[in-house]
PDB file of N, CA and C in Angstrom:
ATOM      1  N   MET A   1      51.369 -10.568  99.509  1.00  0.00           N
ATOM      2  CA  MET A   1      50.205 -11.059  98.822  1.00  0.00           C
ATOM      3  C   MET A   1      50.374 -10.833  97.327  1.00  0.00           C
ATOM      4  N   LEU A   2      50.125 -11.852  96.542  1.00  0.00           N
ATOM      5  CA  LEU A   2      50.113 -11.755  95.089  1.00  0.00           C
ATOM      6  C   LEU A   2      48.670 -11.881  94.627  1.00  0.00           C
ATOM      7  N   SER A   3      48.288 -11.153  93.601  1.00  0.00           N
ATOM      8  CA  SER A   3      46.918 -11.222  93.093  1.00  0.00           C
ATOM      9  C   SER A   3      46.907 -11.601  91.626  1.00  0.00           C
ATOM     10  N   PHE A   4      46.094 -12.585  91.289  1.00  0.00           N
ATOM     11  CA  PHE A   4      45.820 -12.917  89.891  1.00  0.00           C
ATOM     12  C   PHE A   4      44.484 -12.287  89.543  1.00  0.00           C
ATOM     13  N   ARG A   5      44.453 -11.483  88.526  1.00  0.00           N
ATOM     14  CA  ARG A   5      43.215 -10.834  88.107  1.00  0.00           C
ATOM     15  C   ARG A   5      42.517 -11.601  86.997  1.00  0.00           C
ATOM     16  N   LYS A   6      43.232 -12.485  86.312  1.00  0.00           N
ATOM     17  CA  LYS A   6      42.637 -13.256  85.216  1.00  0.00           C
ATOM     18  C   LYS A   6      43.407 -14.557  85.049  1.00  0.00           C
ATOM     19  N   ALA A   7      42.752 -15.511  84.419  1.00  0.00           N
ATOM     20  CA  ALA A   7      43.416 -16.784  84.132  1.00  0.00           C
ATOM     21  C   ALA A   7      44.559 -16.540  83.160  1.00  0.00           C
ATOM     22  N   GLU A   8      45.558 -17.368  83.240  1.00  0.00           N
ATOM     23  CA  GLU A   8      46.753 -17.320  82.400  1.00  0.00           C
ATOM     24  C   GLU A   8      47.709 -16.183  82.747  1.00  0.00           C
ATOM     25  N   GLU A   9      47.373 -15.352  83.719  1.00  0.00           N
ATOM     26  CA  GLU A   9      48.324 -14.348  84.201  1.00  0.00           C
ATOM     27  C   GLU A   9      49.418 -15.085  84.966  1.00  0.00           C
ATOM     28  N   GLN A  10      50.619 -14.549  84.934  1.00  0.00           N
ATOM     29  CA  GLN A  10      51.742 -15.191  85.605  1.00  0.00           C
ATOM     30  C   GLN A  10      52.300 -14.293  86.705  1.00  0.00           C
ATOM     31  N   LYS A  11      52.784 -14.920  87.753  1.00  0.00           N
ATOM     32  CA  LYS A  11      53.481 -14.241  88.843  1.00  0.00           C
ATOM     33  C   LYS A  11      54.787 -14.978  89.089  1.00  0.00           C
ATOM     34  N   ILE A  12      55.818 -14.233  89.423  1.00  0.00           N
ATOM     35  CA  ILE A  12      57.125 -14.832  89.694  1.00  0.00           C
ATOM     36  C   ILE A  12      57.431 -14.717  91.183  1.00  0.00           C
ATOM     37  N   VAL A  13      57.812 -15.829  91.774  1.00  0.00           N
ATOM     38  CA  VAL A  13      58.223 -15.885  93.173  1.00  0.00           C
ATOM     39  C   VAL A  13      59.709 -16.214  93.183  1.00  0.00           C
ATOM     40  N   THR A  14      60.498 -15.446  93.922  1.00  0.00           N
ATOM     41  CA  THR A  14      61.928 -15.704  94.043  1.00  0.00           C
ATOM     42  C   THR A  14      62.189 -16.453  95.342  1.00  0.00           C
ATOM     43  N   ILE A  15      62.880 -17.561  95.237  1.00  0.00           N
ATOM     44  CA  ILE A  15      63.254 -18.361  96.401  1.00  0.00           C
ATOM     45  C   ILE A  15      64.757 -18.234  96.570  1.00  0.00           C
ATOM     46  N   GLU A  16      65.165 -17.803  97.756  1.00  0.00           N
ATOM     47  CA  GLU A  16      66.595 -17.683  98.053  1.00  0.00           C
ATOM     48  C   GLU A  16      66.880 -18.431  99.345  1.00  0.00           C
ATOM     49  N   THR A  17      67.848 -19.332  99.297  1.00  0.00           N
ATOM     50  CA  THR A  17      68.179 -20.128 100.470  1.00  0.00           C
ATOM     51  C   THR A  17      69.660 -20.488 100.462  1.00  0.00           C
ATOM     52  N   ASN A  18      70.196 -20.702 101.652  1.00  0.00           N
ATOM     53  CA  ASN A  18      71.566 -21.197 101.739  1.00  0.00           C
ATOM     54  C   ASN A  18      71.584 -22.712 101.955  1.00  0.00           C
ATOM     55  N   ALA A  19      70.407 -23.333 101.943  1.00  0.00           N
ATOM     56  CA  ALA A  19      70.326 -24.795 102.032  1.00  0.00           C
ATOM     57  C   ALA A  19      70.776 -25.397 100.698  1.00  0.00           C
ATOM     58  N   ASP A  20      71.119 -26.670 100.713  1.00  0.00           N
ATOM     59  CA  ASP A  20      71.560 -27.343  99.490  1.00  0.00           C
ATOM     60  C   ASP A  20      70.440 -27.475  98.462  1.00  0.00           C
ATOM     61  N   SER A  21      69.191 -27.564  98.943  1.00  0.00           N
ATOM     62  CA  SER A  21      68.073 -27.751  98.022  1.00  0.00           C
ATOM     63  C   SER A  21      66.790 -27.181  98.617  1.00  0.00           C
ATOM     64  N   TRP A  22      65.779 -27.016  97.776  1.00  0.00           N
ATOM     65  CA  TRP A  22      64.454 -26.577  98.195  1.00  0.00           C
ATOM     66  C   TRP A  22      63.420 -27.291  97.339  1.00  0.00           C
ATOM     67  N   SER A  23      62.178 -27.334  97.838  1.00  0.00           N
ATOM     68  CA  SER A  23      61.093 -27.933  97.065  1.00  0.00           C
ATOM     69  C   SER A  23      59.780 -27.238  97.412  1.00  0.00           C
ATOM     70  N   ILE A  24      58.842 -27.298  96.468  1.00  0.00           N
ATOM     71  CA  ILE A  24      57.509 -26.729  96.670  1.00  0.00           C
ATOM     72  C   ILE A  24      56.490 -27.843  96.497  1.00  0.00           C
ATOM     73  N   GLU A  25      55.592 -27.967  97.456  1.00  0.00           N
ATOM     74  CA  GLU A  25      54.481 -28.910  97.360  1.00  0.00           C
ATOM     75  C   GLU A  25      53.287 -28.167  96.762  1.00  0.00           C
ATOM     76  N   ASN A  26      52.740 -28.657  95.645  1.00  0.00           N
ATOM     77  CA  ASN A  26      51.629 -28.004  94.952  1.00  0.00           C
ATOM     78  C   ASN A  26      50.425 -28.945  94.886  1.00  0.00           C
ATOM     79  N   PRO A  27      49.499 -28.848  95.850  1.00  0.00           N
ATOM     80  CA  PRO A  27      48.327 -29.724  95.814  1.00  0.00           C
ATOM     81  C   PRO A  27      47.284 -29.304  94.773  1.00  0.00           C
ATOM     82  N   ALA A  28      47.489 -28.191  94.085  1.00  0.00           N
ATOM     83  CA  ALA A  28      46.516 -27.692  93.101  1.00  0.00           C
ATOM     84  C   ALA A  28      47.062 -27.777  91.679  1.00  0.00           C
ATOM     85  N   SER A  29      47.805 -28.816  91.391  1.00  0.00           N
ATOM     86  CA  SER A  29      48.449 -28.913  90.081  1.00  0.00           C
ATOM     87  C   SER A  29      47.451 -29.007  88.928  1.00  0.00           C
ATOM     88  N   ASP A  30      46.178 -29.284  89.226  1.00  0.00           N
ATOM     89  CA  ASP A  30      45.178 -29.337  88.164  1.00  0.00           C
ATOM     90  C   ASP A  30      44.793 -27.948  87.649  1.00  0.00           C
ATOM     91  N   TRP A  31      45.033 -26.889  88.434  1.00  0.00           N
ATOM     92  CA  TRP A  31      44.719 -25.534  87.956  1.00  0.00           C
ATOM     93  C   TRP A  31      45.830 -24.518  88.191  1.00  0.00           C
ATOM     94  N   LEU A  32      46.912 -24.915  88.837  1.00  0.00           N
ATOM     95  CA  LEU A  32      48.026 -24.008  89.091  1.00  0.00           C
ATOM     96  C   LEU A  32      49.321 -24.657  88.604  1.00  0.00           C
ATOM     97  N   ASP A  33      49.954 -24.042  87.625  1.00  0.00           N
ATOM     98  CA  ASP A  33      51.225 -24.545  87.098  1.00  0.00           C
ATOM     99  C   ASP A  33      52.392 -23.810  87.736  1.00  0.00           C
ATOM    100  N   LEU A  34      53.456 -24.544  88.045  1.00  0.00           N
ATOM    101  CA  LEU A  34      54.704 -23.973  88.536  1.00  0.00           C
ATOM    102  C   LEU A  34      55.780 -24.275  87.509  1.00  0.00           C
ATOM    103  N   SER A  35      56.659 -23.308  87.261  1.00  0.00           N
ATOM    104  CA  SER A  35      57.742 -23.547  86.302  1.00  0.00           C
ATOM    105  C   SER A  35      58.786 -24.505  86.856  1.00  0.00           C
ATOM    106  N   GLY A  36      58.794 -24.704  88.153  1.00  0.00           N
ATOM    107  CA  GLY A  36      59.706 -25.643  88.798  1.00  0.00           C
ATOM    108  C   GLY A  36      59.206 -25.946  90.192  1.00  0.00           C
ATOM    109  N   SER A  37      59.448 -27.147  90.672  1.00  0.00           N
ATOM    110  CA  SER A  37      58.998 -27.500  92.014  1.00  0.00           C
ATOM    111  C   SER A  37      60.150 -27.848  92.941  1.00  0.00           C
ATOM    112  N   SER A  38      61.382 -27.736  92.438  1.00  0.00           N
ATOM    113  CA  SER A  38      62.545 -27.978  93.295  1.00  0.00           C
ATOM    114  C   SER A  38      63.761 -27.335  92.654  1.00  0.00           C
ATOM    115  N   GLY A  39      64.778 -27.141  93.482  1.00  0.00           N
ATOM    116  CA  GLY A  39      65.999 -26.544  92.968  1.00  0.00           C
ATOM    117  C   GLY A  39      67.123 -26.654  93.969  1.00  0.00           C
ATOM    118  N   SER A  40      68.269 -26.121  93.607  1.00  0.00           N
ATOM    119  CA  SER A  40      69.433 -26.141  94.489  1.00  0.00           C
ATOM    120  C   SER A  40      69.529 -24.804  95.210  1.00  0.00           C
ATOM    121  N   GLY A  41      70.455 -24.720  96.160  1.00  0.00           N
ATOM    122  CA  GLY A  41      70.623 -23.503  96.945  1.00  0.00           C
ATOM    123  C   GLY A  41      70.898 -22.281  96.098  1.00  0.00           C
ATOM    124  N   GLY A  42      70.936 -21.146  96.745  1.00  0.00           N
ATOM    125  CA  GLY A  42      71.112 -19.892  96.022  1.00  0.00           C
ATOM    126  C   GLY A  42      69.769 -19.261  95.737  1.00  0.00           C
ATOM    127  N   MET A  43      69.649 -18.601  94.583  1.00  0.00           N
ATOM    128  CA  MET A  43      68.427 -17.904  94.234  1.00  0.00           C
ATOM    129  C   MET A  43      67.807 -18.520  92.986  1.00  0.00           C
ATOM    130  N   SER A  44      66.491 -18.747  93.050  1.00  0.00           N
ATOM    131  CA  SER A  44      65.749 -19.312  91.917  1.00  0.00           C
ATOM    132  C   SER A  44      64.435 -18.572  91.761  1.00  0.00           C
ATOM    133  N   ASN A  45      63.992 -18.391  90.524  1.00  0.00           N
ATOM    134  CA  ASN A  45      62.679 -17.827  90.243  1.00  0.00           C
ATOM    135  C   ASN A  45      61.737 -18.948  89.840  1.00  0.00           C
ATOM    136  N   VAL A  46      60.525 -18.912  90.377  1.00  0.00           N
ATOM    137  CA  VAL A  46      59.487 -19.870  90.016  1.00  0.00           C
ATOM    138  C   VAL A  46      58.296 -19.067  89.509  1.00  0.00           C
ATOM    139  N   THR A  47      57.823 -19.398  88.311  1.00  0.00           N
ATOM    140  CA  THR A  47      56.666 -18.726  87.733  1.00  0.00           C
ATOM    141  C   THR A  47      55.412 -19.522  88.069  1.00  0.00           C
ATOM    142  N   LEU A  48      54.403 -18.822  88.622  1.00  0.00           N
ATOM    143  CA  LEU A  48      53.119 -19.424  88.946  1.00  0.00           C
ATOM    144  C   LEU A  48      52.115 -18.965  87.905  1.00  0.00           C
ATOM    145  N   SER A  49      51.339 -19.893  87.351  1.00  0.00           N
ATOM    146  CA  SER A  49      50.338 -19.577  86.330  1.00  0.00           C
ATOM    147  C   SER A  49      49.035 -20.295  86.641  1.00  0.00           C
ATOM    148  N   VAL A  50      47.940 -19.541  86.705  1.00  0.00           N
ATOM    149  CA  VAL A  50      46.617 -20.139  86.847  1.00  0.00           C
ATOM    150  C   VAL A  50      46.192 -20.604  85.465  1.00  0.00           C
ATOM    151  N   THR A  51      45.835 -21.877  85.338  1.00  0.00           N
ATOM    152  CA  THR A  51      45.615 -22.454  84.012  1.00  0.00           C
ATOM    153  C   THR A  51      44.160 -22.570  83.600  1.00  0.00           C
ATOM    154  N   SER A  52      43.222 -22.395  84.513  1.00  0.00           N
ATOM    155  CA  SER A  52      41.823 -22.521  84.116  1.00  0.00           C
ATOM    156  C   SER A  52      40.995 -21.403  84.722  1.00  0.00           C
ATOM    157  N   LYS A  53      39.994 -20.989  83.974  1.00  0.00           N
ATOM    158  CA  LYS A  53      39.106 -19.920  84.421  1.00  0.00           C
ATOM    159  C   LYS A  53      38.020 -20.503  85.316  1.00  0.00           C
ATOM    160  N   THR A  54      37.575 -19.696  86.255  1.00  0.00           N
ATOM    161  CA  THR A  54      36.481 -20.101  87.120  1.00  0.00           C
ATOM    162  C   THR A  54      35.813 -18.860  87.680  1.00  0.00           C
ATOM    163  N   ILE A  55      34.546 -18.974  87.953  1.00  0.00           N
ATOM    164  CA  ILE A  55      33.828 -17.866  88.595  1.00  0.00           C
ATOM    165  C   ILE A  55      34.006 -17.969  90.099  1.00  0.00           C
ATOM    166  N   THR A  56      34.046 -19.199  90.585  1.00  0.00           N
ATOM    167  CA  THR A  56      34.198 -19.424  92.018  1.00  0.00           C
ATOM    168  C   THR A  56      35.653 -19.331  92.435  1.00  0.00           C
ATOM    169  N   GLU A  57      35.875 -18.733  93.580  1.00  0.00           N
ATOM    170  CA  GLU A  57      37.242 -18.639  94.090  1.00  0.00           C
ATOM    171  C   GLU A  57      37.704 -20.007  94.581  1.00  0.00           C
ATOM    172  N   ARG A  58      38.917 -20.363  94.223  1.00  0.00           N
ATOM    173  CA  ARG A  58      39.547 -21.584  94.723  1.00  0.00           C
ATOM    174  C   ARG A  58      40.806 -21.181  95.461  1.00  0.00           C
ATOM    175  N   THR A  59      41.147 -21.930  96.469  1.00  0.00           N
ATOM    176  CA  THR A  59      42.372 -21.635  97.205  1.00  0.00           C
ATOM    177  C   THR A  59      43.164 -22.921  97.414  1.00  0.00           C
ATOM    178  N   THR A  60      44.444 -22.741  97.588  1.00  0.00           N
ATOM    179  CA  THR A  60      45.328 -23.846  97.941  1.00  0.00           C
ATOM    180  C   THR A  60      46.511 -23.261  98.695  1.00  0.00           C
ATOM    181  N   THR A  61      47.278 -24.096  99.313  1.00  0.00           N
ATOM    182  CA  THR A  61      48.488 -23.660 100.002  1.00  0.00           C
ATOM    183  C   THR A  61      49.682 -24.391  99.413  1.00  0.00           C
ATOM    184  N   LEU A  62      50.642 -23.620  98.913  1.00  0.00           N
ATOM    185  CA  LEU A  62      51.906 -24.182  98.454  1.00  0.00           C
ATOM    186  C   LEU A  62      52.874 -24.114  99.626  1.00  0.00           C
ATOM    187  N   THR A  63      53.542 -25.200  99.909  1.00  0.00           N
ATOM    188  CA  THR A  63      54.485 -25.233 101.020  1.00  0.00           C
ATOM    189  C   THR A  63      55.900 -25.351 100.471  1.00  0.00           C
ATOM    190  N   ILE A  64      56.753 -24.421 100.879  1.00  0.00           N
ATOM    191  CA  ILE A  64      58.149 -24.404 100.443  1.00  0.00           C
ATOM    192  C   ILE A  64      59.019 -24.923 101.582  1.00  0.00           C
ATOM    193  N   THR A  65      59.851 -25.904 101.276  1.00  0.00           N
ATOM    194  CA  THR A  65      60.767 -26.469 102.258  1.00  0.00           C
ATOM    195  C   THR A  65      62.187 -26.354 101.716  1.00  0.00           C
ATOM    196  N   ALA A  66      63.111 -25.923 102.558  1.00  0.00           N
ATOM    197  CA  ALA A  66      64.519 -25.810 102.163  1.00  0.00           C
ATOM    198  C   ALA A  66      65.344 -26.767 103.009  1.00  0.00           C
ATOM    199  N   GLY A  67      66.135 -27.593 102.348  1.00  0.00           N
ATOM    200  CA  GLY A  67      66.974 -28.548 103.066  1.00  0.00           C
ATOM    201  C   GLY A  67      66.138 -29.511 103.880  1.00  0.00           C
ATOM    202  N   ASN A  68      66.587 -29.816 105.075  1.00  0.00           N
ATOM    203  CA  ASN A  68      65.873 -30.740 105.958  1.00  0.00           C
ATOM    204  C   ASN A  68      65.078 -30.012 107.022  1.00  0.00           C
ATOM    205  N   THR A  69      64.784 -28.736 106.797  1.00  0.00           N
ATOM    206  CA  THR A  69      64.074 -27.950 107.795  1.00  0.00           C
ATOM    207  C   THR A  69      62.575 -28.151 107.683  1.00  0.00           C
ATOM    208  N   THR A  70      61.857 -27.643 108.674  1.00  0.00           N
ATOM    209  CA  THR A  70      60.401 -27.617 108.575  1.00  0.00           C
ATOM    210  C   THR A  70      60.025 -26.568 107.539  1.00  0.00           C
ATOM    211  N   PRO A  71      58.838 -26.654 106.970  1.00  0.00           N
ATOM    212  CA  PRO A  71      58.451 -25.684 105.938  1.00  0.00           C
ATOM    213  C   PRO A  71      58.661 -24.249 106.399  1.00  0.00           C
ATOM    214  N   GLY A  72      59.268 -23.445 105.526  1.00  0.00           N
ATOM    215  CA  GLY A  72      59.615 -22.079 105.883  1.00  0.00           C
ATOM    216  C   GLY A  72      58.732 -21.029 105.267  1.00  0.00           C
ATOM    217  N   ALA A  73      57.917 -21.388 104.293  1.00  0.00           N
ATOM    218  CA  ALA A  73      57.023 -20.414 103.665  1.00  0.00           C
ATOM    219  C   ALA A  73      55.812 -21.138 103.128  1.00  0.00           C
ATOM    220  N   GLN A  74      54.697 -20.458 103.176  1.00  0.00           N
ATOM    221  CA  GLN A  74      53.488 -20.999 102.585  1.00  0.00           C
ATOM    222  C   GLN A  74      52.893 -19.947 101.673  1.00  0.00           C
ATOM    223  N   ILE A  75      52.412 -20.370 100.521  1.00  0.00           N
ATOM    224  CA  ILE A  75      51.770 -19.468  99.573  1.00  0.00           C
ATOM    225  C   ILE A  75      50.329 -19.929  99.436  1.00  0.00           C
ATOM    226  N   VAL A  76      49.384 -19.067  99.808  1.00  0.00           N
ATOM    227  CA  VAL A  76      47.969 -19.388  99.663  1.00  0.00           C
ATOM    228  C   VAL A  76      47.522 -18.845  98.320  1.00  0.00           C
ATOM    229  N   VAL A  77      46.944 -19.701  97.481  1.00  0.00           N
ATOM    230  CA  VAL A  77      46.698 -19.353  96.085  1.00  0.00           C
ATOM    231  C   VAL A  77      45.225 -19.494  95.729  1.00  0.00           C
ATOM    232  N   SER A  78      44.717 -18.535  94.991  1.00  0.00           N
ATOM    233  CA  SER A  78      43.426 -18.648  94.320  1.00  0.00           C
ATOM    234  C   SER A  78      43.548 -17.918  93.001  1.00  0.00           C
ATOM    235  N   PRO A  79      42.650 -18.168  92.043  1.00  0.00           N
ATOM    236  CA  PRO A  79      42.743 -17.442  90.783  1.00  0.00           C
ATOM    237  C   PRO A  79      42.589 -15.942  90.959  1.00  0.00           C
ATOM    238  N   ALA A  80      41.889 -15.520  91.975  1.00  0.00           N
ATOM    239  CA  ALA A  80      41.697 -14.087  92.185  1.00  0.00           C
ATOM    240  C   ALA A  80      42.818 -13.495  93.025  1.00  0.00           C
ATOM    241  N   ILE A  81      43.254 -14.216  94.027  1.00  0.00           N
ATOM    242  CA  ILE A  81      44.237 -13.667  94.970  1.00  0.00           C
ATOM    243  C   ILE A  81      45.253 -14.741  95.331  1.00  0.00           C
ATOM    244  N   ILE A  82      46.503 -14.338  95.404  1.00  0.00           N
ATOM    245  CA  ILE A  82      47.549 -15.216  95.944  1.00  0.00           C
ATOM    246  C   ILE A  82      48.170 -14.479  97.118  1.00  0.00           C
ATOM    247  N   ARG A  83      48.228 -15.133  98.243  1.00  0.00           N
ATOM    248  CA  ARG A  83      48.874 -14.545  99.412  1.00  0.00           C
ATOM    249  C   ARG A  83      50.107 -15.375  99.718  1.00  0.00           C
ATOM    250  N   ILE A  84      51.189 -14.689  99.991  1.00  0.00           N
ATOM    251  CA  ILE A  84      52.415 -15.405 100.342  1.00  0.00           C
ATOM    252  C   ILE A  84      52.760 -15.061 101.789  1.00  0.00           C
ATOM    253  N   PHE A  85      52.840 -16.075 102.627  1.00  0.00           N
ATOM    254  CA  PHE A  85      53.160 -15.902 104.032  1.00  0.00           C
ATOM    255  C   PHE A  85      54.504 -16.557 104.284  1.00  0.00           C
ATOM    256  N   VAL A  86      55.443 -15.808 104.793  1.00  0.00           N
ATOM    257  CA  VAL A  86      56.745 -16.364 105.113  1.00  0.00           C
ATOM    258  C   VAL A  86      56.808 -16.528 106.621  1.00  0.00           C
ATOM    259  N   GLN A  87      57.052 -17.744 107.063  1.00  0.00           N
ATOM    260  CA  GLN A  87      57.108 -18.036 108.484  1.00  0.00           C
ATOM    261  C   GLN A  87      58.521 -18.442 108.850  1.00  0.00           C
ATOM    262  N   TYR A  88      59.032 -17.883 109.923  1.00  0.00           N
ATOM    263  CA  TYR A  88      60.381 -18.202 110.373  1.00  0.00           C
ATOM    264  C   TYR A  88      60.329 -18.946 111.672  1.00  0.00           C
TER     265      TYR A  88
END
């Protein structure tokens, strides 16, 4: 679980895979910025930044897919709390 305590705080997620490529689906691009949404195999860091302040909690799910597999990780995001669930 990752927690954002304030807007504009950043968190780094490391993605490591032996697949040729990976991608992240971000349905909350209006308030959550990612430093990258795809990459090649190996290890990559992605910085997550909440871009707008709100009193109400918002949530979204980022889905990470590596290669041609089914999604292997989901990150549930809100400005107050980010939870990262890795599913195998």
